[in-house]
């Protein structure tokens, strides 16, 4: 885990929240901190490549605890691991030291936004964070992912979250994110990631570097009754857990 931190004061206003809309979600929770998740496809066409959006929201409650890890279960026949995304690895040390420009273009898998709550004296402010998703090295044969998070104000920080894409589930570790000296850590309350999208990769063709767009995540040819199910487990630093689930409705036939 890498963390560069600078507290930038004065700052008292919350930054803008993510603007991307999401499909309706059905959620449940089994902890004092309620959680919900959302998922969506664009375009919604069975048997075709698509862009996948994933997100969650956590209501911290009266005694919030920081998020330590999360695991997302997704349909096994959703082609995340065979999407053609992240064909080159980004080295974690280079990303930590030099930022996104140290990663090959072919390692970028998507982007997103997040929101965190930051204690500043008696007040709590909200900060918007930019996310970039890269493929990391895969020493065990599974696709490892790196989420590079950058915040500006009131806390300037760069944090790398690490995860691994296993059959049917994505596991992500969230490191503690300090705020002010002797103050509680930053609380992650919302995240939204897009896998795929308008990405440009490069390949060698007859000795020349040729740009192309990876197709993205493949939707299966059929949709299960009730839609494509997603479920998430959130583990917090205090030992509590929260569960949430949703389903992406089956695409309409054209």
Protein backbone atom coordinates (compact mmCIF):
# COMPACT_ATOMS: atom_id res chain seq x y z
CA UNK A 1 0.00 0.00 0.00
CA UNK A 2 1.25 3.46 -0.85
CA UNK A 3 0.00 6.67 0.65
CA UNK A 4 1.04 10.25 0.07
CA UNK A 5 -0.79 12.65 2.34
CA UNK A 6 -1.07 16.38 2.69
CA UNK A 7 -3.72 18.25 4.66
CA UNK A 8 -4.71 21.37 2.73
CA UNK A 9 -6.36 24.05 4.86
CA UNK A 10 -8.49 26.07 4.92
CA UNK A 11 -11.26 24.04 3.32
CA UNK A 12 -14.79 23.75 4.60
CA UNK A 13 -17.02 22.95 1.67
CA UNK A 14 -17.79 19.49 0.33
CA UNK A 15 -16.75 18.66 -3.19
CA UNK A 16 -19.09 17.44 -5.89
CA UNK A 17 -20.45 13.91 -5.73
CA UNK A 18 -20.28 11.42 -8.62
CA UNK A 19 -22.89 12.26 -11.24
CA UNK A 20 -23.31 8.92 -12.99
CA UNK A 21 -26.80 7.47 -12.66
CA UNK A 22 -27.38 3.87 -11.71
CA UNK A 23 -30.22 1.38 -12.08
CA UNK A 24 -32.50 0.73 -9.10
CA UNK A 25 -30.97 -1.61 -6.53
CA UNK A 26 -32.39 -3.89 -3.89
CA UNK A 27 -30.14 -4.01 -0.83
CA UNK A 28 -29.90 -5.58 2.60
CA UNK A 29 -27.52 -5.06 5.51
CA UNK A 30 -26.41 -7.05 8.55
CA UNK A 31 -24.45 -4.43 10.47
CA UNK A 32 -24.93 -1.05 12.11
CA UNK A 33 -23.56 0.47 8.91
CA UNK A 34 -26.10 -0.07 6.15
CA UNK A 35 -24.80 -0.80 2.64
CA UNK A 36 -26.28 -0.90 -0.85
CA UNK A 37 -24.82 -1.77 -4.24
CA UNK A 38 -25.66 -0.97 -7.84
CA UNK A 39 -24.69 -2.46 -11.19
CA UNK A 40 -25.46 -1.79 -14.83
CA UNK A 41 -24.53 -2.56 -18.44
CA UNK A 42 -24.13 -0.21 -21.41
CA UNK A 43 -25.13 -1.24 -23.98
CA UNK A 44 -27.67 -3.80 -22.77
CA UNK A 45 -27.42 -6.43 -25.47
CA UNK A 46 -27.10 -10.16 -24.85
CA UNK A 47 -24.20 -11.89 -26.56
CA UNK A 48 -22.36 -8.60 -27.14
CA UNK A 49 -19.55 -6.67 -25.49
CA UNK A 50 -20.55 -4.09 -22.92
CA UNK A 51 -19.27 -1.64 -20.32
CA UNK A 52 -19.99 -2.68 -16.74
CA UNK A 53 -20.67 -0.15 -13.98
CA UNK A 54 -20.39 -1.21 -10.34
CA UNK A 55 -20.93 0.89 -7.25
CA UNK A 56 -21.74 0.88 -3.59
CA UNK A 57 -22.82 3.24 -0.84
CA UNK A 58 -22.29 2.89 2.91
CA UNK A 59 -24.25 4.85 5.53
CA UNK A 60 -21.66 5.26 8.32
CA UNK A 61 -24.13 5.48 11.22
CA UNK A 62 -23.46 6.98 14.66
CA UNK A 63 -20.17 5.14 15.29
CA UNK A 64 -18.61 4.66 11.84
CA UNK A 65 -15.76 2.26 11.24
CA UNK A 66 -13.49 2.32 8.22
CA UNK A 67 -13.91 -0.18 5.41
CA UNK A 68 -11.15 -2.83 5.45
CA UNK A 69 -12.15 -5.10 2.56
CA UNK A 70 -14.97 -5.86 0.18
CA UNK A 71 -15.90 -8.82 -1.95
CA UNK A 72 -18.23 -8.60 -4.92
CA UNK A 73 -19.91 -11.71 -6.31
CA UNK A 74 -20.95 -11.49 -9.96
CA UNK A 75 -22.40 -13.97 -12.50
CA UNK A 76 -19.73 -16.48 -13.52
CA UNK A 77 -20.74 -16.32 -17.17
CA UNK A 78 -20.12 -12.57 -17.27
CA UNK A 79 -16.90 -12.22 -19.25
CA UNK A 80 -14.86 -10.08 -16.87
CA UNK A 81 -11.76 -12.28 -16.93
CA UNK A 82 -11.92 -12.74 -20.73
CA UNK A 83 -12.77 -9.13 -21.62
CA UNK A 84 -9.46 -8.29 -23.29
CA UNK A 85 -9.01 -5.52 -20.71
CA UNK A 86 -5.71 -5.10 -18.91
CA UNK A 87 -3.50 -7.05 -21.33
CA UNK A 88 -0.34 -5.41 -19.95
CA UNK A 89 0.50 -5.20 -16.23
CA UNK A 90 1.11 -2.00 -14.31
CA UNK A 91 3.81 -2.36 -11.66
CA UNK A 92 2.48 -1.34 -8.22
CA UNK A 93 5.76 0.30 -7.16
CA UNK A 94 5.80 2.49 -10.28
CA UNK A 95 2.15 3.47 -9.77
CA UNK A 96 2.83 4.34 -6.14
CA UNK A 97 5.89 6.45 -6.94
CA UNK A 98 4.96 8.16 -10.21
CA UNK A 99 1.19 7.93 -10.62
CA UNK A 100 -0.92 6.86 -13.57
CA UNK A 101 1.57 7.97 -16.22
CA UNK A 102 3.90 5.17 -15.12
CA UNK A 103 1.41 2.52 -16.26
CA UNK A 104 1.20 1.19 -19.84
CA UNK A 105 -1.87 2.28 -21.79
CA UNK A 106 -2.79 -1.39 -22.22
CA UNK A 107 -3.04 -1.83 -18.44
CA UNK A 108 -5.90 0.62 -17.92
CA UNK A 109 -9.20 -1.15 -17.32
CA UNK A 110 -11.56 1.65 -16.33
CA UNK A 111 -12.18 4.64 -14.13
CA UNK A 112 -14.53 5.92 -11.47
CA UNK A 113 -15.20 8.16 -8.52
CA UNK A 114 -15.51 7.79 -4.78
CA UNK A 115 -16.61 9.83 -1.79
CA UNK A 116 -14.99 9.92 1.63
CA UNK A 117 -15.92 11.59 4.90
CA UNK A 118 -13.13 13.49 6.64
CA UNK A 119 -13.22 14.69 10.28
CA UNK A 120 -12.14 18.32 10.60
CA UNK A 121 -12.54 19.42 14.19
CA UNK A 122 -16.20 19.17 15.19
CA UNK A 123 -17.31 18.93 11.56
CA UNK A 124 -17.26 16.20 8.93
CA UNK A 125 -16.72 17.19 5.30
CA UNK A 126 -17.13 15.17 2.13
CA UNK A 127 -14.39 14.88 -0.47
CA UNK A 128 -14.67 13.58 -4.01
CA UNK A 129 -11.93 11.20 -5.16
CA UNK A 130 -10.92 10.26 -8.73
CA UNK A 131 -10.28 6.58 -9.42
CA UNK A 132 -8.35 4.82 -12.19
CA UNK A 133 -8.38 1.04 -12.53
CA UNK A 134 -5.33 -0.85 -13.81
CA UNK A 135 -4.33 -4.46 -14.27
CA UNK A 136 -1.48 -5.50 -12.01
CA UNK A 137 0.96 -8.36 -12.27
CA UNK A 138 -0.64 -11.82 -12.04
CA UNK A 139 1.85 -14.18 -10.37
CA UNK A 140 -0.84 -16.77 -9.55
CA UNK A 141 -2.67 -16.85 -12.89
CA UNK A 142 -5.55 -14.67 -11.73
CA UNK A 143 -6.13 -11.09 -12.86
CA UNK A 144 -4.94 -8.70 -10.16
CA UNK A 145 -6.29 -5.16 -10.17
CA UNK A 146 -4.97 -1.86 -8.82
CA UNK A 147 -7.29 1.04 -8.00
CA UNK A 148 -5.44 4.35 -7.90
CA UNK A 149 -7.33 6.91 -5.82
CA UNK A 150 -6.48 10.62 -5.83
CA UNK A 151 -8.05 13.23 -3.57
CA UNK A 152 -7.29 16.95 -3.60
CA UNK A 153 -9.06 18.93 -0.84
CA UNK A 154 -9.30 19.14 2.10
CA UNK A 155 -6.97 16.11 2.31
CA UNK A 156 -4.55 15.65 -0.58
CA UNK A 157 -3.77 11.94 -0.86
CA UNK A 158 -2.87 9.23 -3.34
CA UNK A 159 -3.80 5.70 -2.30
CA UNK A 160 -3.49 2.36 -4.10
CA UNK A 161 -6.14 -0.29 -3.41
CA UNK A 162 -5.31 -3.83 -4.49
CA UNK A 163 -7.63 -6.63 -5.51
CA UNK A 164 -7.89 -9.90 -7.38
CA UNK A 165 -10.47 -11.11 -9.88
CA UNK A 166 -11.40 -14.72 -9.11
CA UNK A 167 -14.04 -16.85 -10.84
CA UNK A 168 -17.33 -15.23 -9.91
CA UNK A 169 -15.99 -12.72 -7.43
CA UNK A 170 -13.81 -9.62 -7.08
CA UNK A 171 -11.98 -9.07 -3.77
CA UNK A 172 -10.51 -5.66 -2.88
CA UNK A 173 -8.42 -4.64 0.15
CA UNK A 174 -8.88 -1.08 1.45
CA UNK A 175 -5.92 0.32 3.43
CA UNK A 176 -6.43 2.75 6.34
CA UNK A 177 -6.41 6.34 5.09
CA UNK A 178 -5.24 8.86 7.72
CA UNK A 179 -6.66 12.36 7.86
CA UNK A 180 -5.42 14.93 10.39
CA UNK A 181 -2.85 14.07 13.07
CA UNK A 182 -4.56 12.41 16.06
CA UNK A 183 -7.87 12.44 14.18
CA UNK A 184 -9.93 9.44 13.02
CA UNK A 185 -9.11 7.92 9.65
CA UNK A 186 -10.96 8.89 6.50
CA UNK A 187 -14.21 6.94 6.01
CA UNK A 188 -14.97 5.62 2.51
CA UNK A 189 -18.73 5.97 1.95
CA UNK A 190 -19.30 5.65 -1.79
CA UNK A 191 -17.52 4.20 -4.83
CA UNK A 192 -18.45 3.78 -8.47
CA UNK A 193 -16.28 2.03 -11.06
CA UNK A 194 -16.71 1.57 -14.79
CA UNK A 195 -15.00 -1.43 -16.40
CA UNK A 196 -14.29 -0.84 -20.06
CA UNK A 197 -15.44 2.23 -21.93
CA UNK A 198 -13.52 4.28 -24.46
CA UNK A 199 -10.05 2.84 -23.90
CA UNK A 200 -7.20 2.87 -26.41
CA UNK A 201 -4.66 0.03 -26.51
CA UNK A 202 -1.70 -0.58 -28.80
CA UNK A 203 -0.40 -3.70 -30.55
CA UNK A 204 2.49 -4.43 -32.88
CA UNK A 205 1.42 -5.14 -36.46
CA UNK A 206 4.16 -5.69 -39.06
CA UNK A 207 6.62 -3.86 -36.85
CA UNK A 208 4.34 -0.85 -36.25
CA UNK A 209 2.39 0.22 -33.18
CA UNK A 210 -1.32 0.24 -34.09
CA UNK A 211 -4.05 1.65 -31.85
CA UNK A 212 -7.25 -0.28 -31.20
CA UNK A 213 -10.18 -0.28 -28.77
CA UNK A 214 -10.62 -3.40 -26.61
CA UNK A 215 -14.15 -4.82 -26.98
CA UNK A 216 -14.99 -4.92 -23.28
CA UNK A 217 -16.90 -7.34 -21.08
CA UNK A 218 -18.97 -9.94 -22.90
CA UNK A 219 -22.57 -10.52 -21.88
CA UNK A 220 -23.78 -14.13 -22.14
CA UNK A 221 -26.32 -15.12 -24.78
CA UNK A 222 -29.06 -15.66 -22.19
CA UNK A 223 -30.20 -13.92 -19.03
CA UNK A 224 -31.15 -15.80 -15.85
CA UNK A 225 -34.68 -15.46 -14.48
CA UNK A 226 -34.74 -12.38 -12.30
CA UNK A 227 -31.80 -10.72 -14.01
CA UNK A 228 -28.04 -10.81 -13.50
CA UNK A 229 -27.38 -11.10 -9.73
CA UNK A 230 -24.67 -9.21 -7.85
CA UNK A 231 -23.90 -9.42 -4.13
CA UNK A 232 -21.31 -7.78 -1.90
CA UNK A 233 -19.81 -8.33 1.53
CA UNK A 234 -18.21 -5.37 3.30
CA UNK A 235 -15.78 -5.99 6.20
CA UNK A 236 -15.02 -3.08 8.53
CA UNK A 237 -12.03 -2.41 10.77
CA UNK A 238 -14.09 -2.92 13.95
CA UNK A 239 -14.96 -6.47 12.86
CA UNK A 240 -18.52 -5.77 11.72
CA UNK A 241 -19.85 -6.74 8.31
CA UNK A 242 -22.56 -5.57 5.94
CA UNK A 243 -24.21 -7.42 3.06
CA UNK A 244 -25.93 -6.00 -0.01
CA UNK A 245 -27.35 -7.40 -3.23
CA UNK A 246 -28.94 -6.26 -6.46
CA UNK A 247 -29.79 -7.58 -9.92
CA UNK A 248 -29.44 -6.04 -13.36
CA UNK A 249 -32.72 -6.59 -15.23
CA UNK A 250 -32.60 -8.74 -18.35
CA UNK A 251 -32.14 -6.66 -21.51
CA UNK A 252 -35.22 -6.25 -23.65
CA UNK A 253 -35.20 -8.09 -26.94
CA UNK A 254 -34.95 -5.78 -29.96
